[in-house]
Amino acid sequence: MADPKAAHPGLYRIDREPPPLLGQRCAGCGRLAFPPNPYGCEGCGAEADELVTEEIPGHGELAAFATVHLHPGKDIEAPFTVGTIVLDAGPTLRATLTRATDDGLAIGQRVRSQLVPRHSEDGGELLELRFAVEET
């Protein structure tokens, strides 16, 4: 069996837990961005060649969340919960949480990145980035 691969290569590393995200820092203004932007810096307008890939620790705070009960796609089965996460390093992103429903979730909870396996259409294993509530 082949080694597992990232479901979304270029967005996160799969060789350690918790997986770091792959963002970009602008050499011109220092802004840290996630996801990577192939066009340039959204902060100062610097060209794409001024952006340097940087690992971002996958730790942050849950700022909002919603459970999806109906989903037409085949990539994930409903119900699932999506959260808005403010990373400790600064960027804000939306990501799928490891919990299927919002039971027990609260704004302000600490979360961390986590890899979740799923099978690809060709039978291989893919690792998806999710966020889990940090247990205290």
N, C-alpha and C. Protein backbone atom coordinates (compact mmCIF):
# COMPACT_ATOMS: atom_id res chain seq x y z
N MET A 1 0.85 -1.19 0.00
CA MET A 1 0.00 0.00 0.00
C MET A 1 0.89 1.24 0.00
N ALA A 2 0.51 2.22 -0.76
CA ALA A 2 1.27 3.47 -0.87
C ALA A 2 1.17 4.29 0.41
N ASP A 3 2.17 5.12 0.63
CA ASP A 3 2.15 6.02 1.78
C ASP A 3 0.99 7.00 1.65
N PRO A 4 0.40 7.40 2.78
CA PRO A 4 -0.68 8.40 2.72
C PRO A 4 -0.16 9.73 2.18
N LYS A 5 -1.06 10.47 1.57
CA LYS A 5 -0.73 11.77 0.99
C LYS A 5 -1.68 12.82 1.54
N ALA A 6 -1.24 14.06 1.49
CA ALA A 6 -2.10 15.17 1.90
C ALA A 6 -3.26 15.30 0.92
N ALA A 7 -4.46 15.47 1.43
CA ALA A 7 -5.62 15.68 0.57
C ALA A 7 -5.51 17.01 -0.16
N HIS A 8 -4.81 17.97 0.45
CA HIS A 8 -4.63 19.30 -0.15
C HIS A 8 -3.15 19.67 -0.04
N PRO A 9 -2.31 19.13 -0.94
CA PRO A 9 -0.87 19.39 -0.87
C PRO A 9 -0.58 20.89 -0.94
N GLY A 10 0.43 21.30 -0.23
CA GLY A 10 0.83 22.70 -0.23
C GLY A 10 0.15 23.54 0.83
N LEU A 11 -0.82 22.96 1.57
CA LEU A 11 -1.50 23.72 2.62
C LEU A 11 -1.05 23.32 4.02
N TYR A 12 -0.52 22.10 4.16
CA TYR A 12 -0.09 21.62 5.47
C TYR A 12 0.88 20.47 5.30
N ARG A 13 1.65 20.21 6.35
CA ARG A 13 2.60 19.10 6.36
C ARG A 13 1.93 17.89 7.00
N ILE A 14 2.32 16.70 6.56
CA ILE A 14 1.72 15.49 7.13
C ILE A 14 2.74 14.64 7.89
N ASP A 15 3.95 15.16 8.08
CA ASP A 15 5.00 14.36 8.70
C ASP A 15 5.11 14.55 10.21
N ARG A 16 4.22 15.31 10.83
CA ARG A 16 4.24 15.44 12.29
C ARG A 16 2.89 15.92 12.81
N GLU A 17 2.68 15.66 14.10
CA GLU A 17 1.45 16.06 14.78
C GLU A 17 1.78 17.02 15.91
N PRO A 18 1.04 18.07 16.12
CA PRO A 18 -0.02 18.52 15.21
C PRO A 18 0.60 19.07 13.93
N PRO A 19 -0.08 18.87 12.81
CA PRO A 19 0.49 19.29 11.54
C PRO A 19 0.56 20.81 11.41
N PRO A 20 1.72 21.34 11.03
CA PRO A 20 1.80 22.78 10.78
C PRO A 20 1.16 23.12 9.44
N LEU A 21 0.60 24.30 9.37
CA LEU A 21 0.04 24.81 8.13
C LEU A 21 1.16 25.49 7.35
N LEU A 22 1.02 25.58 6.04
CA LEU A 22 2.02 26.24 5.20
C LEU A 22 1.45 27.55 4.71
N GLY A 23 1.91 28.63 5.30
CA GLY A 23 1.47 29.96 4.93
C GLY A 23 2.57 30.71 4.20
N GLN A 24 2.40 32.01 4.09
CA GLN A 24 3.38 32.86 3.43
C GLN A 24 3.57 34.13 4.24
N ARG A 25 4.83 34.55 4.35
CA ARG A 25 5.14 35.82 4.98
C ARG A 25 5.68 36.76 3.90
N CYS A 26 5.17 37.98 3.91
CA CYS A 26 5.60 38.99 2.95
C CYS A 26 6.93 39.59 3.41
N ALA A 27 7.91 39.58 2.52
CA ALA A 27 9.22 40.18 2.82
C ALA A 27 9.11 41.69 2.92
N GLY A 28 8.09 42.28 2.28
CA GLY A 28 7.93 43.73 2.28
C GLY A 28 7.33 44.27 3.56
N CYS A 29 6.21 43.69 4.00
CA CYS A 29 5.49 44.25 5.16
C CYS A 29 5.45 43.31 6.36
N GLY A 30 5.85 42.05 6.18
CA GLY A 30 5.87 41.09 7.28
C GLY A 30 4.56 40.39 7.53
N ARG A 31 3.54 40.66 6.72
CA ARG A 31 2.22 40.04 6.93
C ARG A 31 2.30 38.54 6.72
N LEU A 32 1.70 37.78 7.63
CA LEU A 32 1.62 36.33 7.53
C LEU A 32 0.23 35.97 7.02
N ALA A 33 0.18 35.16 5.97
CA ALA A 33 -1.10 34.83 5.34
C ALA A 33 -1.29 33.32 5.22
N PHE A 34 -2.53 32.90 5.36
CA PHE A 34 -2.93 31.53 5.08
C PHE A 34 -4.36 31.59 4.56
N PRO A 35 -4.67 30.89 3.47
CA PRO A 35 -3.81 30.03 2.68
C PRO A 35 -2.85 30.84 1.81
N PRO A 36 -1.84 30.15 1.23
CA PRO A 36 -0.90 30.85 0.36
C PRO A 36 -1.62 31.53 -0.80
N ASN A 37 -1.10 32.68 -1.19
CA ASN A 37 -1.69 33.47 -2.28
C ASN A 37 -0.71 33.54 -3.44
N PRO A 38 -1.05 32.99 -4.59
CA PRO A 38 -0.11 32.98 -5.72
C PRO A 38 0.03 34.34 -6.40
N TYR A 39 -0.75 35.32 -6.02
CA TYR A 39 -0.77 36.60 -6.73
C TYR A 39 0.04 37.70 -6.05
N GLY A 40 0.30 37.58 -4.76
CA GLY A 40 1.04 38.62 -4.06
C GLY A 40 0.45 38.89 -2.69
N CYS A 41 1.00 39.89 -2.02
CA CYS A 41 0.58 40.22 -0.66
C CYS A 41 -0.71 41.02 -0.66
N GLU A 42 -1.67 40.58 0.14
CA GLU A 42 -2.93 41.32 0.27
C GLU A 42 -2.79 42.53 1.18
N GLY A 43 -1.69 42.57 1.95
CA GLY A 43 -1.47 43.69 2.87
C GLY A 43 -0.88 44.90 2.20
N CYS A 44 0.22 44.70 1.45
CA CYS A 44 0.92 45.84 0.86
C CYS A 44 0.97 45.81 -0.66
N GLY A 45 0.50 44.73 -1.26
CA GLY A 45 0.50 44.64 -2.72
C GLY A 45 1.80 44.16 -3.33
N ALA A 46 2.73 43.68 -2.51
CA ALA A 46 4.00 43.18 -3.04
C ALA A 46 3.75 42.01 -3.99
N GLU A 47 4.63 41.86 -4.96
CA GLU A 47 4.53 40.77 -5.94
C GLU A 47 4.70 39.41 -5.26
N ALA A 48 4.24 38.36 -5.93
CA ALA A 48 4.28 37.01 -5.38
C ALA A 48 5.70 36.56 -5.05
N ASP A 49 6.70 37.03 -5.78
CA ASP A 49 8.07 36.60 -5.50
C ASP A 49 8.62 37.20 -4.20
N GLU A 50 7.86 38.09 -3.57
CA GLU A 50 8.23 38.65 -2.27
C GLU A 50 7.65 37.84 -1.11
N LEU A 51 6.89 36.79 -1.42
CA LEU A 51 6.26 35.96 -0.39
C LEU A 51 7.12 34.72 -0.14
N VAL A 52 7.37 34.44 1.13
CA VAL A 52 8.22 33.32 1.52
C VAL A 52 7.36 32.33 2.30
N THR A 53 7.44 31.04 1.91
CA THR A 53 6.69 30.00 2.62
C THR A 53 7.17 29.92 4.07
N GLU A 54 6.19 29.81 4.97
CA GLU A 54 6.50 29.72 6.40
C GLU A 54 5.54 28.74 7.06
N GLU A 55 6.08 27.88 7.92
CA GLU A 55 5.23 26.98 8.69
C GLU A 55 4.52 27.76 9.79
N ILE A 56 3.24 27.48 9.94
CA ILE A 56 2.43 28.14 10.96
C ILE A 56 1.94 27.06 11.93
N PRO A 57 2.24 27.19 13.22
CA PRO A 57 1.75 26.20 14.18
C PRO A 57 0.21 26.13 14.13
N GLY A 58 -0.31 24.91 14.19
CA GLY A 58 -1.75 24.69 14.07
C GLY A 58 -2.50 24.81 15.38
N HIS A 59 -2.28 25.91 16.09
CA HIS A 59 -2.97 26.16 17.36
C HIS A 59 -3.71 27.48 17.27
N GLY A 60 -4.91 27.53 17.83
CA GLY A 60 -5.66 28.77 17.80
C GLY A 60 -6.89 28.73 18.67
N GLU A 61 -7.80 29.65 18.38
CA GLU A 61 -9.02 29.81 19.16
C GLU A 61 -10.23 29.76 18.24
N LEU A 62 -11.25 29.06 18.69
CA LEU A 62 -12.49 28.96 17.94
C LEU A 62 -13.28 30.26 18.07
N ALA A 63 -13.51 30.93 16.93
CA ALA A 63 -14.20 32.22 16.94
C ALA A 63 -15.67 32.11 16.55
N ALA A 64 -16.02 31.07 15.80
CA ALA A 64 -17.41 30.84 15.38
C ALA A 64 -17.50 29.40 14.89
N PHE A 65 -18.72 28.86 14.84
CA PHE A 65 -18.90 27.50 14.34
C PHE A 65 -20.34 27.30 13.90
N ALA A 66 -20.52 26.35 12.99
CA ALA A 66 -21.86 25.98 12.52
C ALA A 66 -21.83 24.53 12.07
N THR A 67 -22.92 23.82 12.34
CA THR A 67 -23.04 22.44 11.89
C THR A 67 -23.80 22.40 10.58
N VAL A 68 -23.24 21.68 9.62
CA VAL A 68 -23.86 21.48 8.31
C VAL A 68 -24.65 20.18 8.38
N HIS A 69 -25.97 20.27 8.15
CA HIS A 69 -26.81 19.08 8.23
C HIS A 69 -27.14 18.49 6.86
N LEU A 70 -27.13 19.31 5.83
CA LEU A 70 -27.38 18.85 4.47
C LEU A 70 -26.21 19.26 3.60
N HIS A 71 -25.62 18.27 2.90
CA HIS A 71 -24.46 18.54 2.05
C HIS A 71 -24.55 17.65 0.82
N PRO A 72 -24.58 18.23 -0.38
CA PRO A 72 -24.76 17.43 -1.58
C PRO A 72 -23.49 16.71 -2.04
N GLY A 73 -22.34 17.11 -1.55
CA GLY A 73 -21.08 16.52 -2.01
C GLY A 73 -20.84 15.13 -1.45
N LYS A 74 -19.92 14.41 -2.09
CA LYS A 74 -19.56 13.07 -1.65
C LYS A 74 -18.26 13.06 -0.85
N ASP A 75 -17.61 14.21 -0.74
CA ASP A 75 -16.31 14.28 -0.09
C ASP A 75 -16.39 14.19 1.44
N ILE A 76 -17.53 14.55 2.00
CA ILE A 76 -17.71 14.49 3.46
C ILE A 76 -19.19 14.25 3.73
N GLU A 77 -19.45 13.44 4.74
CA GLU A 77 -20.83 13.07 5.06
C GLU A 77 -21.38 13.99 6.15
N ALA A 78 -22.59 14.50 5.94
CA ALA A 78 -23.26 15.35 6.93
C ALA A 78 -23.83 14.45 8.02
N PRO A 79 -23.91 14.94 9.25
CA PRO A 79 -23.55 16.29 9.68
C PRO A 79 -22.04 16.42 9.91
N PHE A 80 -21.54 17.65 9.73
CA PHE A 80 -20.17 17.99 10.08
C PHE A 80 -20.17 19.45 10.52
N THR A 81 -19.15 19.82 11.25
CA THR A 81 -19.09 21.17 11.81
C THR A 81 -17.90 21.93 11.24
N VAL A 82 -18.15 23.17 10.85
CA VAL A 82 -17.13 24.06 10.32
C VAL A 82 -16.89 25.15 11.34
N GLY A 83 -15.64 25.50 11.55
CA GLY A 83 -15.31 26.55 12.51
C GLY A 83 -14.47 27.64 11.88
N THR A 84 -14.62 28.85 12.42
CA THR A 84 -13.72 29.95 12.10
C THR A 84 -12.67 29.95 13.20
N ILE A 85 -11.41 29.86 12.80
CA ILE A 85 -10.32 29.71 13.75
C ILE A 85 -9.34 30.86 13.59
N VAL A 86 -9.04 31.52 14.69
CA VAL A 86 -8.00 32.55 14.70
C VAL A 86 -6.74 31.88 15.21
N LEU A 87 -5.78 31.67 14.32
CA LEU A 87 -4.53 31.03 14.70
C LEU A 87 -3.72 31.93 15.63
N ASP A 88 -2.98 31.33 16.53
CA ASP A 88 -2.14 32.10 17.45
C ASP A 88 -1.16 32.99 16.69
N ALA A 89 -0.73 32.55 15.52
CA ALA A 89 0.22 33.31 14.71
C ALA A 89 -0.43 34.48 13.97
N GLY A 90 -1.78 34.55 13.97
CA GLY A 90 -2.44 35.70 13.37
C GLY A 90 -3.50 35.42 12.32
N PRO A 91 -3.22 34.58 11.30
CA PRO A 91 -4.23 34.37 10.26
C PRO A 91 -5.52 33.75 10.80
N THR A 92 -6.62 34.04 10.12
CA THR A 92 -7.93 33.47 10.43
C THR A 92 -8.32 32.57 9.26
N LEU A 93 -8.89 31.41 9.57
CA LEU A 93 -9.31 30.50 8.52
C LEU A 93 -10.59 29.80 8.92
N ARG A 94 -11.23 29.20 7.94
CA ARG A 94 -12.38 28.33 8.19
C ARG A 94 -11.94 26.91 7.89
N ALA A 95 -12.31 26.00 8.79
CA ALA A 95 -11.89 24.61 8.63
C ALA A 95 -12.93 23.68 9.22
N THR A 96 -12.91 22.45 8.76
CA THR A 96 -13.78 21.42 9.30
C THR A 96 -13.23 21.00 10.66
N LEU A 97 -14.11 20.84 11.62
CA LEU A 97 -13.72 20.38 12.95
C LEU A 97 -13.84 18.86 13.01
N THR A 98 -13.21 18.25 13.99
CA THR A 98 -13.28 16.79 14.12
C THR A 98 -14.62 16.33 14.66
N ARG A 99 -15.37 17.21 15.31
CA ARG A 99 -16.69 16.85 15.85
C ARG A 99 -17.74 16.98 14.76
N ALA A 100 -18.65 16.01 14.70
CA ALA A 100 -19.70 16.05 13.70
C ALA A 100 -20.74 17.12 14.01
N THR A 101 -21.00 17.37 15.28
CA THR A 101 -21.99 18.37 15.66
C THR A 101 -21.34 19.39 16.58
N ASP A 102 -22.10 20.43 16.89
CA ASP A 102 -21.56 21.50 17.74
C ASP A 102 -21.80 21.26 19.23
N ASP A 103 -22.24 20.07 19.61
CA ASP A 103 -22.45 19.75 21.02
C ASP A 103 -21.15 19.95 21.80
N GLY A 104 -21.20 20.74 22.83
CA GLY A 104 -20.04 20.97 23.68
C GLY A 104 -19.06 22.00 23.17
N LEU A 105 -19.32 22.59 22.02
CA LEU A 105 -18.42 23.63 21.50
C LEU A 105 -18.78 24.98 22.08
N ALA A 106 -17.78 25.84 22.21
CA ALA A 106 -18.01 27.20 22.71
C ALA A 106 -17.00 28.13 22.07
N ILE A 107 -17.45 29.33 21.76
CA ILE A 107 -16.55 30.35 21.24
C ILE A 107 -15.47 30.60 22.28
N GLY A 108 -14.24 30.69 21.82
CA GLY A 108 -13.12 30.91 22.70
C GLY A 108 -12.36 29.65 23.08
N GLN A 109 -12.91 28.46 22.73
CA GLN A 109 -12.19 27.23 23.05
C GLN A 109 -10.90 27.15 22.24
N ARG A 110 -9.89 26.53 22.85
CA ARG A 110 -8.62 26.31 22.18
C ARG A 110 -8.76 25.11 21.25
N VAL A 111 -8.20 25.23 20.04
CA VAL A 111 -8.23 24.15 19.07
C VAL A 111 -6.82 23.94 18.51
N ARG A 112 -6.61 22.75 17.94
CA ARG A 112 -5.33 22.45 17.31
C ARG A 112 -5.58 21.64 16.04
N SER A 113 -4.64 21.73 15.12
CA SER A 113 -4.75 21.00 13.86
C SER A 113 -4.54 19.51 14.11
N GLN A 114 -5.18 18.71 13.25
CA GLN A 114 -5.11 17.26 13.37
C GLN A 114 -5.31 16.66 11.99
N LEU A 115 -4.64 15.55 11.70
CA LEU A 115 -4.82 14.86 10.43
C LEU A 115 -5.84 13.75 10.60
N VAL A 116 -6.77 13.67 9.65
CA VAL A 116 -7.82 12.65 9.67
C VAL A 116 -7.74 11.88 8.35
N PRO A 117 -7.59 10.54 8.41
CA PRO A 117 -7.48 9.76 7.17
C PRO A 117 -8.83 9.55 6.49
N ARG A 118 -8.78 9.48 5.18
CA ARG A 118 -9.93 9.06 4.38
C ARG A 118 -9.40 8.38 3.13
N HIS A 119 -10.24 7.61 2.47
CA HIS A 119 -9.82 6.90 1.26
C HIS A 119 -10.09 7.75 0.03
N SER A 120 -9.14 7.71 -0.89
CA SER A 120 -9.31 8.42 -2.16
C SER A 120 -10.08 7.52 -3.12
N GLU A 121 -10.48 8.09 -4.25
CA GLU A 121 -11.24 7.33 -5.24
C GLU A 121 -10.43 6.17 -5.81
N ASP A 122 -9.10 6.30 -5.83
CA ASP A 122 -8.26 5.23 -6.38
C ASP A 122 -7.84 4.21 -5.32
N GLY A 123 -8.41 4.31 -4.11
CA GLY A 123 -8.13 3.35 -3.05
C GLY A 123 -6.98 3.71 -2.14
N GLY A 124 -6.29 4.80 -2.43
CA GLY A 124 -5.20 5.25 -1.57
C GLY A 124 -5.72 5.95 -0.34
N GLU A 125 -4.79 6.29 0.55
CA GLU A 125 -5.19 7.00 1.77
C GLU A 125 -4.77 8.46 1.68
N LEU A 126 -5.73 9.33 1.98
CA LEU A 126 -5.49 10.77 2.03
C LEU A 126 -5.60 11.24 3.46
N LEU A 127 -4.80 12.25 3.80
CA LEU A 127 -4.86 12.84 5.14
C LEU A 127 -5.41 14.25 5.01
N GLU A 128 -6.56 14.47 5.65
CA GLU A 128 -7.21 15.78 5.62
C GLU A 128 -6.90 16.55 6.89
N LEU A 129 -6.80 17.87 6.75
CA LEU A 129 -6.58 18.73 7.89
C LEU A 129 -7.91 19.06 8.54
N ARG A 130 -8.00 18.82 9.83
CA ARG A 130 -9.17 19.19 10.63
C ARG A 130 -8.66 19.89 11.88
N PHE A 131 -9.58 20.43 12.65
CA PHE A 131 -9.21 21.04 13.92
C PHE A 131 -10.02 20.39 15.03
N ALA A 132 -9.34 20.09 16.14
CA ALA A 132 -9.95 19.43 17.30
C ALA A 132 -9.84 20.35 18.51
N VAL A 133 -10.84 20.27 19.37
CA VAL A 133 -10.78 21.02 20.63
C VAL A 133 -9.66 20.44 21.48
N GLU A 134 -8.83 21.32 22.03
CA GLU A 134 -7.76 20.87 22.92
C GLU A 134 -8.38 20.48 24.26
N GLU A 135 -8.07 19.29 24.70
CA GLU A 135 -8.57 18.81 25.98
C GLU A 135 -7.75 19.45 27.09
N THR A 136 -8.45 19.90 28.13
CA THR A 136 -7.74 20.56 29.24
C THR A 136 -7.49 19.61 30.38
